[in-house]
Amino acid sequence: MLPAFGVSALQRLRAGWKRSRKAMRQKRRSHISSTDRDRLATDLRRAGIGPGDVVVVHSSLSKLGNVAGGPLAVVGALQDAVGASGTLVMPAYGSASDVFDRMSRNEVTDLRTAPSLNGAITEAFRQHPGVLRSSHPFSSVCASGPQAEFITGSHHLDGRICHSDSPLARVHQLGGKVLGLGVTLGPVSFYHVVEDTWPGFPLDPYAMPIESLTYVDADGTPVTRIVRRYADRWREVRIDGRGGEWIRGVFTRHLIASGALHQCRVGEADSWIIAARRFYDEIKALAEDGLTIYTTEEAAGRRSEGPRSHHA
């Protein structure tokens, strides 16, 4: 039998593991080339980010290299690239399970302080002056720039996460772009816009029942409303899960072959960029062909040829 650990013992083990992981990352980073805000901004412009753009950013700080100035320098480079007329958007997601666990203990999630769990760049952005945060207890989105209020202002109007008035759907409406800095096409939330706005999507990714909870909004206002969370049964096979490698490869190859996905280099990171409207069209077309971010290789029947592009 395994030994029984108390809470404090488990906490010490977890803290020790985190220290070891941090030390290993620092050692790896010491051998990576340095970069800075100016170089990152130049690389972003070369990649196709320009003044006035509305850009959703998914990112990995460690993949960019040893960035002088850390995550704030990356935020600054992104702001330099889109200019004063552009709008930056980043996820600031928490854990749905943690939110509901806190509710069961009569504790309330407070979006004024709840951190983003999507990496150091998103957390630095969340705390940056002038950044707005949408009203969602575990899937909020942050934005800064002229379109920030429009993008973040109506997330609370529907229990689903990426409904037609959600931040990511509004990026789609504005003709924005989706940018991946040192990340794969796995941890990309834009897929869910198709699920929540296209009536023909072939499955319901949400859990039942629909639940009501109370949280504190980013402006300090208490909110009680219906929210939906994704079903646990999809967690492992979904494109960002441990079993999602196959479908991630299918989507990546398709988007490259169709010409929708532009691969680029930002700092030391292999990166990519795609127009939100084109992204939506391709995701929808794949779903019409029977491929979604939840499809397993077995369910797809080991297709012998990739899906065709439906972009006109």
Protein backbone atom coordinates (compact mmCIF):
# COMPACT_ATOMS: atom_id res chain seq x y z
CA MET A 1 0.00 0.00 0.00
CA LEU A 2 1.09 3.56 -0.63
CA PRO A 3 1.93 5.61 2.47
CA ALA A 4 -0.74 8.03 3.67
CA PHE A 5 0.43 11.62 3.40
CA GLY A 6 -1.10 14.48 5.33
CA VAL A 7 -2.01 17.73 3.61
CA SER A 8 1.15 19.45 4.82
CA ALA A 9 3.35 16.62 3.55
CA LEU A 10 1.69 16.76 0.13
CA GLN A 11 2.13 20.52 0.07
CA ARG A 12 5.85 20.15 0.83
CA LEU A 13 6.24 17.56 -1.91
CA ARG A 14 4.40 19.78 -4.38
CA ALA A 15 6.48 22.83 -3.38
CA GLY A 16 9.69 20.83 -3.79
CA TRP A 17 8.63 19.64 -7.21
CA LYS A 18 7.84 23.20 -8.28
CA ARG A 19 11.26 24.43 -7.06
CA SER A 20 13.00 21.66 -9.00
CA ARG A 21 11.01 22.42 -12.14
CA LYS A 22 11.80 26.12 -11.85
CA ALA A 23 15.52 25.39 -11.41
CA MET A 24 15.54 23.13 -14.47
CA ARG A 25 13.80 25.78 -16.55
CA GLN A 26 16.25 28.44 -15.43
CA LYS A 27 19.16 26.15 -16.34
CA ARG A 28 17.71 25.53 -19.81
CA ARG A 29 17.02 29.24 -20.32
CA SER A 30 20.65 30.10 -19.47
CA HIS A 31 21.66 28.39 -22.73
CA ILE A 32 19.06 30.16 -24.87
CA SER A 33 19.82 33.26 -26.91
CA SER A 34 18.76 36.64 -25.55
CA THR A 35 16.16 38.86 -27.14
CA ASP A 36 14.48 42.14 -26.29
CA ARG A 37 11.38 44.24 -26.89
CA ASP A 38 12.66 45.87 -30.08
CA ARG A 39 13.62 42.60 -31.72
CA LEU A 40 10.31 40.99 -30.76
CA ALA A 41 8.36 43.94 -32.17
CA THR A 42 10.35 43.72 -35.41
CA ASP A 43 9.69 39.99 -35.66
CA LEU A 44 5.98 40.54 -35.01
CA ARG A 45 5.77 43.10 -37.80
CA ARG A 46 7.54 40.72 -40.17
CA ALA A 47 5.04 38.04 -39.19
CA GLY A 48 2.16 40.24 -40.28
CA ILE A 49 1.07 42.08 -37.14
CA GLY A 50 0.54 45.77 -37.88
CA PRO A 51 -1.05 49.01 -36.69
CA GLY A 52 -4.76 48.74 -36.00
CA ASP A 53 -4.81 44.94 -35.78
CA VAL A 54 -7.01 43.15 -33.26
CA VAL A 55 -4.93 40.19 -32.09
CA VAL A 56 -5.65 37.28 -29.76
CA VAL A 57 -2.34 36.07 -28.33
CA HIS A 58 -1.48 32.60 -27.01
CA SER A 59 2.06 32.45 -25.73
CA SER A 60 4.97 30.72 -24.00
CA LEU A 61 7.54 33.06 -22.48
CA SER A 62 10.20 30.37 -22.16
CA LYS A 63 10.06 29.57 -25.89
CA LEU A 64 10.77 33.18 -26.89
CA GLY A 65 14.27 33.09 -25.42
CA ASN A 66 15.84 35.02 -22.58
CA VAL A 67 13.71 38.11 -22.91
CA ALA A 68 15.27 41.23 -21.40
CA GLY A 69 12.51 42.74 -19.28
CA GLY A 70 10.57 39.49 -19.00
CA PRO A 71 6.85 39.20 -19.79
CA LEU A 72 6.28 42.95 -19.65
CA ALA A 73 8.74 43.37 -22.51
CA VAL A 74 6.69 40.91 -24.58
CA VAL A 75 3.51 42.85 -23.80
CA GLY A 76 5.32 46.04 -24.81
CA ALA A 77 6.50 44.50 -28.08
CA LEU A 78 2.96 43.41 -28.92
CA GLN A 79 1.69 46.92 -28.17
CA ASP A 80 4.43 48.38 -30.36
CA ALA A 81 3.39 46.12 -33.23
CA VAL A 82 -0.35 46.91 -33.14
CA GLY A 83 0.16 50.58 -32.27
CA ALA A 84 -2.25 52.91 -30.50
CA SER A 85 -5.05 52.00 -32.91
CA GLY A 86 -4.68 48.25 -32.33
CA THR A 87 -6.19 46.01 -29.67
CA LEU A 88 -4.52 43.15 -27.81
CA VAL A 89 -6.51 40.24 -26.43
CA MET A 90 -5.29 37.44 -24.16
CA PRO A 91 -6.91 34.62 -22.21
CA ALA A 92 -6.99 34.98 -18.41
CA TYR A 93 -8.48 31.60 -17.62
CA GLY A 94 -8.67 29.97 -14.24
CA SER A 95 -9.80 26.49 -13.25
CA ALA A 96 -13.51 25.69 -13.42
CA SER A 97 -13.05 22.96 -10.83
CA ASP A 98 -11.34 25.37 -8.44
CA VAL A 99 -14.12 27.94 -8.89
CA PHE A 100 -16.84 25.40 -8.07
CA ASP A 101 -14.79 23.97 -5.19
CA ARG A 102 -14.51 27.45 -3.72
CA MET A 103 -18.24 27.93 -4.13
CA SER A 104 -18.87 24.70 -2.18
CA ARG A 105 -16.84 26.23 0.67
CA ASN A 106 -18.83 29.49 0.47
CA GLU A 107 -15.79 31.27 -1.01
CA VAL A 108 -16.16 33.62 -3.94
CA THR A 109 -13.87 33.99 -6.96
CA ASP A 110 -12.78 37.61 -7.34
CA LEU A 111 -11.77 38.65 -10.86
CA ARG A 112 -9.95 41.69 -9.48
CA THR A 113 -7.25 39.38 -8.12
CA ALA A 114 -7.77 35.92 -9.65
CA PRO A 115 -4.61 35.17 -11.67
CA SER A 116 -4.46 34.02 -15.25
CA LEU A 117 -3.30 30.41 -15.49
CA ASN A 118 -2.25 30.81 -19.13
CA GLY A 119 1.37 31.75 -18.56
CA ALA A 120 3.49 34.65 -17.39
CA ILE A 121 2.78 36.90 -20.36
CA THR A 122 -1.00 36.72 -19.87
CA GLU A 123 -0.66 37.39 -16.15
CA ALA A 124 1.56 40.42 -16.75
CA PHE A 125 -0.97 41.65 -19.30
CA ARG A 126 -3.87 41.14 -16.87
CA GLN A 127 -2.19 43.45 -14.37
CA HIS A 128 -1.13 46.03 -16.94
CA PRO A 129 -2.68 49.54 -16.67
CA GLY A 130 -5.78 50.04 -18.78
CA VAL A 131 -6.44 46.34 -19.41
CA LEU A 132 -10.09 45.26 -19.19
CA ARG A 133 -11.24 41.80 -18.10
CA SER A 134 -14.43 40.13 -19.27
CA SER A 135 -17.08 38.85 -16.86
CA HIS A 136 -16.60 35.10 -16.59
CA PRO A 137 -15.63 33.24 -13.40
CA PHE A 138 -13.16 30.81 -15.02
CA SER A 139 -12.87 31.70 -18.74
CA SER A 140 -12.38 35.46 -18.70
CA VAL A 141 -10.50 37.30 -21.43
CA CYS A 142 -8.42 40.48 -21.10
CA ALA A 143 -8.04 43.23 -23.69
CA SER A 144 -6.48 46.64 -24.14
CA GLY A 145 -6.91 49.16 -26.93
CA PRO A 146 -9.75 50.95 -28.73
CA GLN A 147 -11.87 47.78 -29.12
CA ALA A 148 -11.27 46.45 -25.59
CA GLU A 149 -14.61 47.51 -24.13
CA PHE A 150 -16.57 46.08 -27.07
CA ILE A 151 -14.61 42.82 -26.89
CA THR A 152 -14.91 42.25 -23.13
CA GLY A 153 -18.19 43.96 -22.29
CA SER A 154 -20.86 41.32 -22.94
CA HIS A 155 -19.32 38.01 -21.89
CA HIS A 156 -21.93 37.65 -19.13
CA LEU A 157 -24.93 37.63 -21.47
CA ASP A 158 -24.90 33.87 -22.13
CA GLY A 159 -24.00 30.82 -20.06
CA ARG A 160 -21.81 29.41 -22.82
CA ILE A 161 -18.17 30.46 -22.98
CA CYS A 162 -17.72 31.53 -26.63
CA HIS A 163 -21.22 32.67 -27.55
CA SER A 164 -21.84 35.35 -30.17
CA ASP A 165 -21.28 38.22 -27.70
CA SER A 166 -18.19 36.65 -26.13
CA PRO A 167 -14.73 38.21 -26.51
CA LEU A 168 -13.44 35.69 -29.05
CA ALA A 169 -16.60 35.85 -31.15
CA ARG A 170 -16.23 39.63 -31.25
CA VAL A 171 -12.63 39.27 -32.40
CA HIS A 172 -14.06 37.18 -35.23
CA GLN A 173 -16.64 39.87 -35.99
CA LEU A 174 -13.92 42.53 -36.07
CA GLY A 175 -11.81 40.56 -38.52
CA GLY A 176 -9.00 40.05 -36.03
CA LYS A 177 -6.08 37.65 -35.96
CA VAL A 178 -5.01 34.74 -33.76
CA LEU A 179 -1.31 34.58 -32.88
CA GLY A 180 0.62 31.73 -31.31
CA LEU A 181 4.02 32.56 -29.80
CA GLY A 182 5.95 29.36 -29.14
CA VAL A 183 2.80 27.26 -28.73
CA THR A 184 1.13 24.56 -30.78
CA LEU A 185 -2.43 24.69 -32.08
CA GLY A 186 -3.50 22.78 -28.97
CA PRO A 187 -4.14 25.52 -26.38
CA VAL A 188 -6.22 27.71 -28.68
CA SER A 189 -9.67 28.79 -27.48
CA PHE A 190 -10.97 30.10 -30.80
CA TYR A 191 -12.17 26.62 -31.79
CA HIS A 192 -15.05 27.03 -29.34
CA VAL A 193 -16.46 30.03 -31.19
CA VAL A 194 -17.63 27.68 -33.95
CA GLU A 195 -19.19 25.35 -31.37
CA ASP A 196 -21.20 28.14 -29.77
CA THR A 197 -22.22 30.16 -32.83
CA TRP A 198 -22.80 27.57 -35.57
CA PRO A 199 -26.06 25.64 -35.03
CA GLY A 200 -24.78 22.72 -37.10
CA PHE A 201 -21.90 21.79 -34.80
CA PRO A 202 -22.20 18.00 -34.40
CA LEU A 203 -21.89 17.64 -30.62
CA ASP A 204 -22.48 19.45 -27.32
CA PRO A 205 -19.13 19.93 -25.54
CA TYR A 206 -20.71 21.18 -22.32
CA ALA A 207 -21.43 19.37 -19.09
CA MET A 208 -24.87 19.03 -17.56
CA PRO A 209 -26.46 20.34 -15.47
CA ILE A 210 -26.26 24.03 -16.18
CA GLU A 211 -25.13 25.66 -12.95
CA SER A 212 -25.52 29.04 -11.27
CA LEU A 213 -22.75 30.61 -9.26
CA THR A 214 -21.71 33.90 -7.71
CA TYR A 215 -18.40 35.68 -8.32
CA VAL A 216 -16.98 39.20 -8.11
CA ASP A 217 -16.50 40.98 -11.42
CA ALA A 218 -13.33 42.83 -12.41
CA ASP A 219 -14.92 46.12 -11.36
CA GLY A 220 -15.85 44.74 -7.92
CA THR A 221 -19.52 44.04 -8.70
CA PRO A 222 -20.97 40.78 -7.32
CA VAL A 223 -22.49 38.69 -10.13
CA THR A 224 -24.78 35.69 -9.84
CA ARG A 225 -25.56 33.96 -13.11
CA ILE A 226 -25.80 30.74 -15.07
CA VAL A 227 -22.55 29.36 -16.47
CA ARG A 228 -21.68 26.20 -18.35
CA ARG A 229 -18.42 24.29 -18.20
CA TYR A 230 -16.93 21.74 -20.60
CA ALA A 231 -17.70 18.09 -19.94
CA ASP A 232 -14.95 16.06 -18.30
CA ARG A 233 -15.38 13.28 -20.88
CA TRP A 234 -13.73 15.44 -23.53
CA ARG A 235 -10.75 16.55 -21.45
CA GLU A 236 -8.30 13.80 -22.39
CA VAL A 237 -9.13 13.47 -26.10
CA ARG A 238 -9.58 17.17 -26.89
CA ILE A 239 -6.96 18.85 -29.09
CA ASP A 240 -5.20 20.33 -26.04
CA GLY A 241 -5.38 17.11 -23.99
CA ARG A 242 -2.92 14.29 -23.59
CA GLY A 243 -4.83 12.24 -26.14
CA GLY A 244 -5.16 15.09 -28.62
CA GLU A 245 -1.86 14.74 -30.44
CA TRP A 246 -3.38 13.03 -33.47
CA ILE A 247 -6.17 15.56 -34.08
CA ARG A 248 -3.76 18.41 -33.37
CA GLY A 249 -1.55 17.11 -36.16
CA VAL A 250 -4.53 16.80 -38.52
CA PHE A 251 -5.65 20.37 -37.87
CA THR A 252 -2.13 21.76 -38.15
CA ARG A 253 -1.39 20.02 -41.45
CA HIS A 254 -4.74 21.05 -42.88
CA LEU A 255 -4.38 24.72 -41.93
CA ILE A 256 -0.86 24.86 -43.38
CA ALA A 257 -1.82 23.06 -46.59
CA SER A 258 -4.88 25.28 -47.06
CA GLY A 259 -2.72 28.39 -46.78
CA ALA A 260 -4.69 29.64 -43.77
CA LEU A 261 -1.86 29.32 -41.25
CA HIS A 262 1.25 31.45 -41.65
CA GLN A 263 4.29 30.07 -39.83
CA CYS A 264 6.87 32.52 -38.54
CA ARG A 265 9.68 33.07 -36.07
CA VAL A 266 9.36 35.48 -33.15
CA GLY A 267 12.40 35.74 -30.94
CA GLU A 268 13.58 32.15 -30.57
CA ALA A 269 10.07 30.73 -30.85
CA ASP A 270 8.43 28.86 -33.70
CA SER A 271 5.21 30.81 -34.02
CA TRP A 272 2.15 31.16 -36.24
CA ILE A 273 -0.61 33.57 -37.21
CA ILE A 274 -4.03 33.09 -38.78
CA ALA A 275 -6.90 35.42 -39.66
CA ALA A 276 -9.84 34.81 -37.32
CA ARG A 277 -12.45 34.71 -40.09
CA ARG A 278 -10.42 32.25 -42.14
CA PHE A 279 -9.79 30.20 -39.00
CA TYR A 280 -13.53 30.04 -38.31
CA ASP A 281 -14.30 28.96 -41.87
CA GLU A 282 -11.73 26.18 -41.80
CA ILE A 283 -12.82 24.86 -38.38
CA LYS A 284 -16.43 24.82 -39.56
CA ALA A 285 -15.48 23.05 -42.78
CA LEU A 286 -13.55 20.40 -40.84
CA ALA A 287 -16.58 19.84 -38.60
CA GLU A 288 -18.75 19.43 -41.69
CA ASP A 289 -16.28 16.75 -42.79
CA GLY A 290 -16.66 14.99 -39.44
CA LEU A 291 -13.51 16.29 -37.77
CA THR A 292 -13.66 18.35 -34.59
CA ILE A 293 -11.14 19.08 -31.86
CA TYR A 294 -12.66 16.09 -29.99
CA THR A 295 -12.21 13.52 -32.78
CA THR A 296 -9.93 10.58 -32.02
CA GLU A 297 -7.95 8.64 -34.58
CA GLU A 298 -10.14 5.60 -33.97
CA ALA A 299 -13.34 7.58 -34.46
CA ALA A 300 -12.00 9.07 -37.68
CA GLY A 301 -11.28 5.59 -39.01
CA ARG A 302 -7.65 6.43 -39.80
CA ARG A 303 -8.52 8.60 -42.79
CA SER A 304 -6.16 7.91 -45.65
CA GLU A 305 -6.19 11.45 -46.93
CA GLY A 306 -6.46 14.84 -45.25
CA PRO A 307 -9.59 16.97 -45.33
CA ARG A 308 -9.95 19.40 -48.17
CA SER A 309 -9.92 23.17 -47.79
CA HIS A 310 -13.35 24.80 -48.00
CA HIS A 311 -12.07 28.34 -48.34
CA ALA A 312 -13.53 30.05 -51.36
